[in-house]
Every structure is written in C-alpha cells, then in structure tokens.
All heavy atoms as atom14 arrays in JSON, in Angstrom:
{
  "sequence": "EESVRALYGNSFNDEKIVYLRMILSLKPNNDESKIMLATYYEE",
  "atom14_mask": [
    [1, 1, 1, 1, 1, 1, 1, 1, 1, 0, 0, 0, 0, 0],
    [1, 1, 1, 1, 1, 1, 1, 1, 1, 0, 0, 0, 0, 0],
    [1, 1, 1, 1, 1, 1, 0, 0, 0, 0, 0, 0, 0, 0],
    [1, 1, 1, 1, 1, 1, 1, 0, 0, 0, 0, 0, 0, 0],
    [1, 1, 1, 1, 1, 1, 1, 1, 1, 1, 1, 0, 0, 0],
    [1, 1, 1, 1, 1, 0, 0, 0, 0, 0, 0, 0, 0, 0],
    [1, 1, 1, 1, 1, 1, 1, 1, 0, 0, 0, 0, 0, 0],
    [1, 1, 1, 1, 1, 1, 1, 1, 1, 1, 1, 1, 0, 0],
    [1, 1, 1, 1, 0, 0, 0, 0, 0, 0, 0, 0, 0, 0],
    [1, 1, 1, 1, 1, 1, 1, 1, 0, 0, 0, 0, 0, 0],
    [1, 1, 1, 1, 1, 1, 0, 0, 0, 0, 0, 0, 0, 0],
    [1, 1, 1, 1, 1, 1, 1, 1, 1, 1, 1, 0, 0, 0],
    [1, 1, 1, 1, 1, 1, 1, 1, 0, 0, 0, 0, 0, 0],
    [1, 1, 1, 1, 1, 1, 1, 1, 0, 0, 0, 0, 0, 0],
    [1, 1, 1, 1, 1, 1, 1, 1, 1, 0, 0, 0, 0, 0],
    [1, 1, 1, 1, 1, 1, 1, 1, 1, 0, 0, 0, 0, 0],
    [1, 1, 1, 1, 1, 1, 1, 1, 0, 0, 0, 0, 0, 0],
    [1, 1, 1, 1, 1, 1, 1, 0, 0, 0, 0, 0, 0, 0],
    [1, 1, 1, 1, 1, 1, 1, 1, 1, 1, 1, 1, 0, 0],
    [1, 1, 1, 1, 1, 1, 1, 1, 0, 0, 0, 0, 0, 0],
    [1, 1, 1, 1, 1, 1, 1, 1, 1, 1, 1, 0, 0, 0],
    [1, 1, 1, 1, 1, 1, 1, 1, 0, 0, 0, 0, 0, 0],
    [1, 1, 1, 1, 1, 1, 1, 1, 0, 0, 0, 0, 0, 0],
    [1, 1, 1, 1, 1, 1, 1, 1, 0, 0, 0, 0, 0, 0],
    [1, 1, 1, 1, 1, 1, 0, 0, 0, 0, 0, 0, 0, 0],
    [1, 1, 1, 1, 1, 1, 1, 1, 0, 0, 0, 0, 0, 0],
    [1, 1, 1, 1, 1, 1, 1, 1, 1, 0, 0, 0, 0, 0],
    [1, 1, 1, 1, 1, 1, 1, 0, 0, 0, 0, 0, 0, 0],
    [1, 1, 1, 1, 1, 1, 1, 1, 0, 0, 0, 0, 0, 0],
    [1, 1, 1, 1, 1, 1, 1, 1, 0, 0, 0, 0, 0, 0],
    [1, 1, 1, 1, 1, 1, 1, 1, 0, 0, 0, 0, 0, 0],
    [1, 1, 1, 1, 1, 1, 1, 1, 1, 0, 0, 0, 0, 0],
    [1, 1, 1, 1, 1, 1, 0, 0, 0, 0, 0, 0, 0, 0],
    [1, 1, 1, 1, 1, 1, 1, 1, 1, 0, 0, 0, 0, 0],
    [1, 1, 1, 1, 1, 1, 1, 1, 0, 0, 0, 0, 0, 0],
    [1, 1, 1, 1, 1, 1, 1, 1, 0, 0, 0, 0, 0, 0],
    [1, 1, 1, 1, 1, 1, 1, 1, 0, 0, 0, 0, 0, 0],
    [1, 1, 1, 1, 1, 0, 0, 0, 0, 0, 0, 0, 0, 0],
    [1, 1, 1, 1, 1, 1, 1, 0, 0, 0, 0, 0, 0, 0],
    [1, 1, 1, 1, 1, 1, 1, 1, 1, 1, 1, 1, 0, 0],
    [1, 1, 1, 1, 1, 1, 1, 1, 1, 1, 1, 1, 0, 0],
    [1, 1, 1, 1, 1, 1, 1, 1, 1, 0, 0, 0, 0, 0],
    [1, 1, 1, 1, 1, 1, 1, 1, 1, 0, 0, 0, 0, 0]
  ],
  "atom14_positions": [
    [[0.79, -1.17, 0.01], [0.02, 0.02, -0.03], [0.87, 1.29, -0.03], [0.6, 2.26, -0.71], [-0.9, 0.04, 1.23], [-2.06, -0.94, 1.16], [-2.79, -1.06, 2.49], [-2.89, -0.02, 3.26], [-3.29, -2.14, 2.81], [0.0, 0.0, 0.0], [0.0, 0.0, 0.0], [0.0, 0.0, 0.0], [0.0, 0.0, 0.0], [0.0, 0.0, 0.0]],
    [[1.88, 1.21, 0.77], [2.86, 2.37, 0.86], [3.54, 2.62, -0.54], [3.72, 3.79, -0.98], [3.84, 2.16, 1.92], [4.77, 3.33, 2.21], [4.01, 4.5, 2.86], [2.76, 4.37, 3.29], [4.53, 5.67, 2.88], [0.0, 0.0, 0.0], [0.0, 0.0, 0.0], [0.0, 0.0, 0.0], [0.0, 0.0, 0.0], [0.0, 0.0, 0.0]],
    [[3.84, 1.53, -1.2], [4.46, 1.63, -2.51], [3.5, 2.27, -3.51], [3.88, 3.1, -4.31], [4.94, 0.31, -3.0], [3.88, -0.55, -3.37], [0.0, 0.0, 0.0], [0.0, 0.0, 0.0], [0.0, 0.0, 0.0], [0.0, 0.0, 0.0], [0.0, 0.0, 0.0], [0.0, 0.0, 0.0], [0.0, 0.0, 0.0], [0.0, 0.0, 0.0]],
    [[2.23, 1.87, -3.4], [1.2, 2.5, -4.28], [1.02, 3.97, -4.09], [0.89, 4.77, -5.0], [-0.15, 1.76, -4.16], [-1.22, 2.51, -4.96], [-0.04, 0.34, -4.69], [0.0, 0.0, 0.0], [0.0, 0.0, 0.0], [0.0, 0.0, 0.0], [0.0, 0.0, 0.0], [0.0, 0.0, 0.0], [0.0, 0.0, 0.0], [0.0, 0.0, 0.0]],
    [[1.06, 4.31, -2.81], [1.0, 5.77, -2.44], [2.14, 6.51, -2.99], [2.03, 7.64, -3.45], [0.85, 5.94, -0.94], [-0.42, 5.44, -0.35], [-0.55, 5.87, 1.12], [-1.6, 5.12, 1.74], [-1.49, 4.02, 2.44], [-0.25, 3.53, 2.63], [-2.49, 3.36, 2.95], [0.0, 0.0, 0.0], [0.0, 0.0, 0.0], [0.0, 0.0, 0.0]],
    [[3.34, 5.87, -2.95], [4.55, 6.55, -3.52], [4.43, 6.7, -4.99], [4.99, 7.72, -5.57], [5.76, 5.7, -3.23], [0.0, 0.0, 0.0], [0.0, 0.0, 0.0], [0.0, 0.0, 0.0], [0.0, 0.0, 0.0], [0.0, 0.0, 0.0], [0.0, 0.0, 0.0], [0.0, 0.0, 0.0], [0.0, 0.0, 0.0], [0.0, 0.0, 0.0]],
    [[3.75, 5.78, -5.68], [3.55, 5.87, -7.12], [2.35, 6.64, -7.53], [2.21, 7.11, -8.71], [3.4, 4.41, -7.65], [4.57, 3.49, -7.6], [4.21, 2.12, -7.93], [5.78, 4.0, -8.48], [0.0, 0.0, 0.0], [0.0, 0.0, 0.0], [0.0, 0.0, 0.0], [0.0, 0.0, 0.0], [0.0, 0.0, 0.0], [0.0, 0.0, 0.0]],
    [[1.48, 6.95, -6.55], [0.2, 7.63, -6.88], [0.44, 9.06, -7.45], [1.24, 9.75, -7.01], [-0.64, 7.74, -5.62], [-2.15, 7.73, -5.96], [-2.76, 6.56, -6.32], [-2.89, 8.87, -5.79], [-4.16, 6.49, -6.62], [-4.28, 8.86, -6.16], [-4.85, 7.66, -6.49], [-6.23, 7.63, -6.83], [0.0, 0.0, 0.0], [0.0, 0.0, 0.0]],
    [[-0.24, 9.32, -8.49], [-0.14, 10.68, -9.12], [0.95, 10.79, -10.13], [1.15, 11.89, -10.66], [0.0, 0.0, 0.0], [0.0, 0.0, 0.0], [0.0, 0.0, 0.0], [0.0, 0.0, 0.0], [0.0, 0.0, 0.0], [0.0, 0.0, 0.0], [0.0, 0.0, 0.0], [0.0, 0.0, 0.0], [0.0, 0.0, 0.0], [0.0, 0.0, 0.0]],
    [[1.69, 9.67, -10.39], [2.69, 9.75, -11.42], [2.43, 8.81, -12.59], [1.3, 8.18, -12.53], [4.14, 9.53, -10.83], [4.28, 8.21, -10.14], [3.71, 7.2, -10.6], [4.94, 8.16, -9.03], [0.0, 0.0, 0.0], [0.0, 0.0, 0.0], [0.0, 0.0, 0.0], [0.0, 0.0, 0.0], [0.0, 0.0, 0.0], [0.0, 0.0, 0.0]],
    [[3.3, 8.55, -13.43], [2.97, 7.75, -14.65], [3.27, 6.3, -14.55], [3.17, 5.55, -15.53], [3.77, 8.35, -15.82], [5.17, 8.37, -15.56], [0.0, 0.0, 0.0], [0.0, 0.0, 0.0], [0.0, 0.0, 0.0], [0.0, 0.0, 0.0], [0.0, 0.0, 0.0], [0.0, 0.0, 0.0], [0.0, 0.0, 0.0], [0.0, 0.0, 0.0]],
    [[3.65, 5.81, -13.35], [4.01, 4.42, -13.23], [2.78, 3.51, -13.13], [2.56, 2.79, -12.12], [4.96, 4.18, -12.01], [6.24, 4.92, -12.12], [6.49, 6.04, -11.45], [7.25, 4.45, -12.94], [7.66, 6.76, -11.57], [8.48, 5.09, -13.07], [8.69, 6.28, -12.33], [0.0, 0.0, 0.0], [0.0, 0.0, 0.0], [0.0, 0.0, 0.0]],
    [[1.99, 3.54, -14.16], [0.68, 2.81, -14.13], [0.8, 1.29, -14.05], [0.09, 0.63, -13.32], [-0.22, 3.19, -15.27], [-0.88, 4.53, -15.1], [-1.04, 4.96, -13.9], [-1.22, 5.21, -16.15], [0.0, 0.0, 0.0], [0.0, 0.0, 0.0], [0.0, 0.0, 0.0], [0.0, 0.0, 0.0], [0.0, 0.0, 0.0], [0.0, 0.0, 0.0]],
    [[1.8, 0.76, -14.77], [1.96, -0.74, -14.75], [2.32, -1.26, -13.43], [1.82, -2.22, -12.94], [3.03, -1.04, -15.81], [2.57, -0.87, -17.31], [1.36, -0.75, -17.48], [3.41, -0.75, -18.15], [0.0, 0.0, 0.0], [0.0, 0.0, 0.0], [0.0, 0.0, 0.0], [0.0, 0.0, 0.0], [0.0, 0.0, 0.0], [0.0, 0.0, 0.0]],
    [[3.34, -0.5, -12.75], [3.75, -0.92, -11.43], [2.6, -0.78, -10.43], [2.34, -1.7, -9.62], [4.99, -0.13, -10.94], [6.23, -0.42, -11.7], [6.43, 0.56, -12.9], [5.39, 1.0, -13.46], [7.57, 0.83, -13.25], [0.0, 0.0, 0.0], [0.0, 0.0, 0.0], [0.0, 0.0, 0.0], [0.0, 0.0, 0.0], [0.0, 0.0, 0.0]],
    [[1.9, 0.33, -10.58], [0.8, 0.61, -9.6], [-0.28, -0.44, -9.66], [-0.71, -0.96, -8.63], [0.21, 1.99, -10.0], [-0.71, 2.54, -8.96], [-0.87, 4.07, -9.12], [-1.36, 4.45, -10.54], [-1.51, 5.93, -10.64], [0.0, 0.0, 0.0], [0.0, 0.0, 0.0], [0.0, 0.0, 0.0], [0.0, 0.0, 0.0], [0.0, 0.0, 0.0]],
    [[-0.74, -0.88, -10.81], [-1.79, -1.88, -10.95], [-1.33, -3.21, -10.43], [-2.1, -3.92, -9.86], [-2.39, -1.91, -12.35], [-3.78, -2.76, -12.29], [-1.45, -2.61, -13.3], [-4.54, -2.59, -13.59], [0.0, 0.0, 0.0], [0.0, 0.0, 0.0], [0.0, 0.0, 0.0], [0.0, 0.0, 0.0], [0.0, 0.0, 0.0], [0.0, 0.0, 0.0]],
    [[-0.06, -3.54, -10.64], [0.49, -4.81, -10.16], [0.42, -4.88, -8.67], [-0.08, -5.88, -8.09], [1.91, -5.05, -10.65], [2.56, -6.25, -9.91], [1.92, -5.33, -12.15], [0.0, 0.0, 0.0], [0.0, 0.0, 0.0], [0.0, 0.0, 0.0], [0.0, 0.0, 0.0], [0.0, 0.0, 0.0], [0.0, 0.0, 0.0], [0.0, 0.0, 0.0]],
    [[0.88, -3.82, -7.99], [0.86, -3.73, -6.56], [-0.54, -3.77, -5.99], [-0.86, -4.41, -5.0], [1.62, -2.55, -6.04], [3.1, -2.53, -6.28], [3.72, -1.44, -6.82], [3.84, -3.73, -6.07], [5.13, -1.49, -7.11], [5.21, -3.74, -6.37], [5.82, -2.62, -6.9], [7.16, -2.7, -7.23], [0.0, 0.0, 0.0], [0.0, 0.0, 0.0]],
    [[-1.52, -3.06, -6.69], [-2.88, -3.04, -6.22], [-3.53, -4.44, -6.29], [-4.25, -4.86, -5.42], [-3.71, -2.05, -7.03], [-3.46, -0.55, -6.71], [-4.09, 0.33, -7.86], [-4.03, -0.2, -5.37], [0.0, 0.0, 0.0], [0.0, 0.0, 0.0], [0.0, 0.0, 0.0], [0.0, 0.0, 0.0], [0.0, 0.0, 0.0], [0.0, 0.0, 0.0]],
    [[-3.21, -5.12, -7.38], [-3.77, -6.51, -7.45], [-3.13, -7.43, -6.43], [-3.81, -8.35, -5.87], [-3.41, -7.09, -8.82], [-4.23, -6.43, -9.99], [-5.67, -6.61, -9.84], [-6.46, -6.15, -10.98], [-7.79, -6.1, -11.01], [-8.5, -6.4, -9.95], [-8.44, -5.76, -12.09], [0.0, 0.0, 0.0], [0.0, 0.0, 0.0], [0.0, 0.0, 0.0]],
    [[-1.86, -7.25, -6.12], [-1.19, -8.04, -5.03], [-1.84, -7.75, -3.67], [-2.17, -8.61, -2.87], [0.25, -7.72, -5.02], [1.02, -8.29, -6.25], [2.75, -7.7, -6.3], [3.5, -8.51, -4.93], [0.0, 0.0, 0.0], [0.0, 0.0, 0.0], [0.0, 0.0, 0.0], [0.0, 0.0, 0.0], [0.0, 0.0, 0.0], [0.0, 0.0, 0.0]],
    [[-2.12, -6.45, -3.43], [-2.79, -6.02, -2.12], [-4.1, -6.74, -2.05], [-4.51, -7.35, -0.99], [-2.93, -4.52, -2.1], [-1.59, -3.87, -1.96], [-3.83, -4.1, -0.89], [-1.63, -2.32, -2.22], [0.0, 0.0, 0.0], [0.0, 0.0, 0.0], [0.0, 0.0, 0.0], [0.0, 0.0, 0.0], [0.0, 0.0, 0.0], [0.0, 0.0, 0.0]],
    [[-4.97, -6.7, -3.08], [-6.22, -7.22, -3.07], [-6.29, -8.76, -3.08], [-7.24, -9.39, -2.6], [-7.06, -6.72, -4.31], [-7.41, -5.24, -4.2], [-8.04, -4.71, -5.5], [-8.37, -4.97, -3.02], [0.0, 0.0, 0.0], [0.0, 0.0, 0.0], [0.0, 0.0, 0.0], [0.0, 0.0, 0.0], [0.0, 0.0, 0.0], [0.0, 0.0, 0.0]],
    [[-5.18, -9.35, -3.43], [-5.01, -10.83, -3.26], [-4.76, -11.17, -1.81], [-5.25, -12.12, -1.27], [-3.84, -11.33, -4.14], [-3.59, -12.67, -3.92], [0.0, 0.0, 0.0], [0.0, 0.0, 0.0], [0.0, 0.0, 0.0], [0.0, 0.0, 0.0], [0.0, 0.0, 0.0], [0.0, 0.0, 0.0], [0.0, 0.0, 0.0], [0.0, 0.0, 0.0]],
    [[-4.0, -10.28, -1.13], [-3.7, -10.5, 0.26], [-4.8, -10.06, 1.14], [-5.13, -10.67, 2.2], [-2.37, -9.75, 0.68], [-1.11, -10.25, 0.0], [-0.02, -9.18, 0.2], [-0.66, -11.55, 0.67], [0.0, 0.0, 0.0], [0.0, 0.0, 0.0], [0.0, 0.0, 0.0], [0.0, 0.0, 0.0], [0.0, 0.0, 0.0], [0.0, 0.0, 0.0]],
    [[-5.46, -8.96, 0.78], [-6.56, -8.41, 1.58], [-7.73, -8.07, 0.59], [-7.88, -6.95, 0.17], [-6.16, -7.16, 2.28], [-5.24, -7.34, 3.49], [-5.23, -6.19, 4.48], [-4.69, -4.92, 3.84], [-4.58, -3.79, 4.77], [0.0, 0.0, 0.0], [0.0, 0.0, 0.0], [0.0, 0.0, 0.0], [0.0, 0.0, 0.0], [0.0, 0.0, 0.0]],
    [[-8.54, -9.03, 0.25], [-9.6, -8.87, -0.7], [-10.58, -7.74, -0.39], [-11.2, -7.18, -1.33], [-10.34, -10.16, -0.75], [-9.34, -11.19, -0.24], [-8.53, -10.44, 0.78], [0.0, 0.0, 0.0], [0.0, 0.0, 0.0], [0.0, 0.0, 0.0], [0.0, 0.0, 0.0], [0.0, 0.0, 0.0], [0.0, 0.0, 0.0], [0.0, 0.0, 0.0]],
    [[-10.75, -7.38, 0.87], [-11.7, -6.43, 1.27], [-11.1, -5.02, 1.56], [-11.63, -4.24, 2.32], [-12.49, -6.9, 2.45], [-13.41, -8.06, 2.12], [-14.0, -8.12, 1.01], [-13.45, -9.05, 3.02], [0.0, 0.0, 0.0], [0.0, 0.0, 0.0], [0.0, 0.0, 0.0], [0.0, 0.0, 0.0], [0.0, 0.0, 0.0], [0.0, 0.0, 0.0]],
    [[-9.85, -4.82, 1.02], [-9.2, -3.46, 1.28], [-9.82, -2.45, 0.34], [-9.47, -2.31, -0.82], [-7.74, -3.68, 0.94], [-6.95, -2.45, 1.3], [-7.35, -1.38, 1.05], [-5.74, -2.63, 1.9], [0.0, 0.0, 0.0], [0.0, 0.0, 0.0], [0.0, 0.0, 0.0], [0.0, 0.0, 0.0], [0.0, 0.0, 0.0], [0.0, 0.0, 0.0]],
    [[-10.76, -1.71, 0.88], [-11.56, -0.81, 0.04], [-10.74, 0.43, -0.34], [-11.02, 1.07, -1.37], [-12.8, -0.41, 0.79], [-13.77, -1.59, 0.91], [-13.83, -2.43, -0.03], [-14.63, -1.64, 1.85], [0.0, 0.0, 0.0], [0.0, 0.0, 0.0], [0.0, 0.0, 0.0], [0.0, 0.0, 0.0], [0.0, 0.0, 0.0], [0.0, 0.0, 0.0]],
    [[-9.79, 0.79, 0.47], [-8.89, 1.9, 0.09], [-8.18, 1.58, -1.16], [-8.05, 2.4, -2.09], [-7.91, 2.22, 1.24], [-7.06, 3.45, 0.89], [-6.05, 3.78, 1.97], [-5.79, 2.85, 2.81], [-5.48, 4.77, 2.0], [0.0, 0.0, 0.0], [0.0, 0.0, 0.0], [0.0, 0.0, 0.0], [0.0, 0.0, 0.0], [0.0, 0.0, 0.0]],
    [[-7.66, 0.33, -1.29], [-6.99, -0.1, -2.51], [-7.99, -0.16, -3.67], [-7.57, 0.07, -4.83], [-6.25, -1.4, -2.29], [-5.17, -1.19, -1.33], [0.0, 0.0, 0.0], [0.0, 0.0, 0.0], [0.0, 0.0, 0.0], [0.0, 0.0, 0.0], [0.0, 0.0, 0.0], [0.0, 0.0, 0.0], [0.0, 0.0, 0.0], [0.0, 0.0, 0.0]],
    [[-9.19, -0.63, -3.36], [-10.16, -0.66, -4.48], [-10.43, 0.67, -5.04], [-10.62, 0.83, -6.31], [-11.49, -1.28, -3.95], [-11.5, -2.77, -3.67], [-12.81, -3.28, -3.21], [-12.87, -4.78, -2.99], [-14.18, -5.2, -2.49], [0.0, 0.0, 0.0], [0.0, 0.0, 0.0], [0.0, 0.0, 0.0], [0.0, 0.0, 0.0], [0.0, 0.0, 0.0]],
    [[-10.57, 1.69, -4.2], [-10.71, 3.07, -4.65], [-9.54, 3.51, -5.62], [-9.77, 4.09, -6.59], [-10.82, 4.04, -3.44], [-12.09, 3.8, -2.64], [-10.74, 5.53, -3.91], [-13.39, 4.27, -3.26], [0.0, 0.0, 0.0], [0.0, 0.0, 0.0], [0.0, 0.0, 0.0], [0.0, 0.0, 0.0], [0.0, 0.0, 0.0], [0.0, 0.0, 0.0]],
    [[-8.34, 3.14, -5.19], [-7.14, 3.54, -5.93], [-7.2, 2.78, -7.31], [-6.77, 3.31, -8.32], [-5.87, 3.31, -5.19], [-5.6, 4.32, -4.11], [-3.96, 4.26, -3.4], [-4.16, 2.87, -2.28], [0.0, 0.0, 0.0], [0.0, 0.0, 0.0], [0.0, 0.0, 0.0], [0.0, 0.0, 0.0], [0.0, 0.0, 0.0], [0.0, 0.0, 0.0]],
    [[-7.61, 1.47, -7.24], [-7.67, 0.71, -8.52], [-8.73, 1.29, -9.44], [-8.52, 1.39, -10.68], [-8.04, -0.76, -8.19], [-8.04, -1.73, -9.38], [-6.74, -1.73, -10.13], [-8.41, -3.17, -8.9], [0.0, 0.0, 0.0], [0.0, 0.0, 0.0], [0.0, 0.0, 0.0], [0.0, 0.0, 0.0], [0.0, 0.0, 0.0], [0.0, 0.0, 0.0]],
    [[-9.92, 1.71, -8.88], [-10.91, 2.3, -9.73], [-10.4, 3.64, -10.32], [-10.68, 3.93, -11.49], [-12.17, 2.54, -8.88], [0.0, 0.0, 0.0], [0.0, 0.0, 0.0], [0.0, 0.0, 0.0], [0.0, 0.0, 0.0], [0.0, 0.0, 0.0], [0.0, 0.0, 0.0], [0.0, 0.0, 0.0], [0.0, 0.0, 0.0], [0.0, 0.0, 0.0]],
    [[-9.67, 4.33, -9.52], [-9.06, 5.61, -10.03], [-8.13, 5.38, -11.25], [-8.06, 6.12, -12.2], [-8.32, 6.35, -8.86], [-9.23, 6.59, -7.82], [-7.8, 7.7, -9.41], [0.0, 0.0, 0.0], [0.0, 0.0, 0.0], [0.0, 0.0, 0.0], [0.0, 0.0, 0.0], [0.0, 0.0, 0.0], [0.0, 0.0, 0.0], [0.0, 0.0, 0.0]],
    [[-7.37, 4.26, -11.09], [-6.49, 3.84, -12.25], [-7.26, 3.62, -13.49], [-6.85, 4.07, -14.58], [-5.69, 2.54, -11.79], [-5.05, 1.85, -12.99], [-3.82, 2.23, -13.45], [-5.66, 0.83, -13.69], [-3.24, 1.64, -14.52], [-5.15, 0.18, -14.7], [-3.91, 0.53, -15.17], [-3.32, -0.04, -16.25], [0.0, 0.0, 0.0], [0.0, 0.0, 0.0]],
    [[-8.37, 2.96, -13.36], [-9.17, 2.7, -14.61], [-9.79, 3.97, -15.09], [-10.01, 4.19, -16.35], [-10.27, 1.66, -14.28], [-9.71, 0.26, -14.2], [-9.86, -0.56, -13.06], [-9.01, -0.32, -15.34], [-9.31, -1.77, -13.01], [-8.51, -1.6, -15.27], [-8.63, -2.32, -14.11], [-8.13, -3.58, -14.06], [0.0, 0.0, 0.0], [0.0, 0.0, 0.0]],
    [[-10.17, 4.9, -14.15], [-10.65, 6.2, -14.58], [-9.62, 6.97, -15.41], [-9.9, 7.58, -16.41], [-11.2, 6.99, -13.42], [-12.48, 6.53, -12.81], [-12.77, 7.15, -11.5], [-11.83, 7.61, -10.73], [-13.92, 7.11, -11.08], [0.0, 0.0, 0.0], [0.0, 0.0, 0.0], [0.0, 0.0, 0.0], [0.0, 0.0, 0.0], [0.0, 0.0, 0.0]],
    [[-8.41, 6.93, -14.9], [-7.32, 7.66, -15.58], [-7.14, 7.02, -17.04], [-6.73, 7.84, -17.87], [-6.0, 7.51, -14.75], [-5.97, 8.27, -13.53], [-4.8, 7.92, -12.63], [-3.99, 7.05, -12.99], [-4.61, 8.57, -11.6], [0.0, 0.0, 0.0], [0.0, 0.0, 0.0], [0.0, 0.0, 0.0], [0.0, 0.0, 0.0], [0.0, 0.0, 0.0]]
  ]
}
C-alpha cells in the first residue's frame, strides 16, 4: 500500500496496478486499494 501511495499521481501505471492486485489478493476487502484501482481505470 505504501508503494502504491509513492507511485500515486505519477505515470508508473503498470507498477501501480500490479501492486494493487497483489494487495487485493492478500486483503480482498481492502476498500482503500479498491478506490485507488478504480481511479487507475478512470485515468
């Protein structure tokens, strides 16, 4: 999650989505990460 925050708002989209998917694999109900993943798709 901390790595995604570090990447948030910059162009590292590939890395960002990989980490978000890993987070949701470890914590399927992590809604903060779901919000960030949805934002990725909006971008």
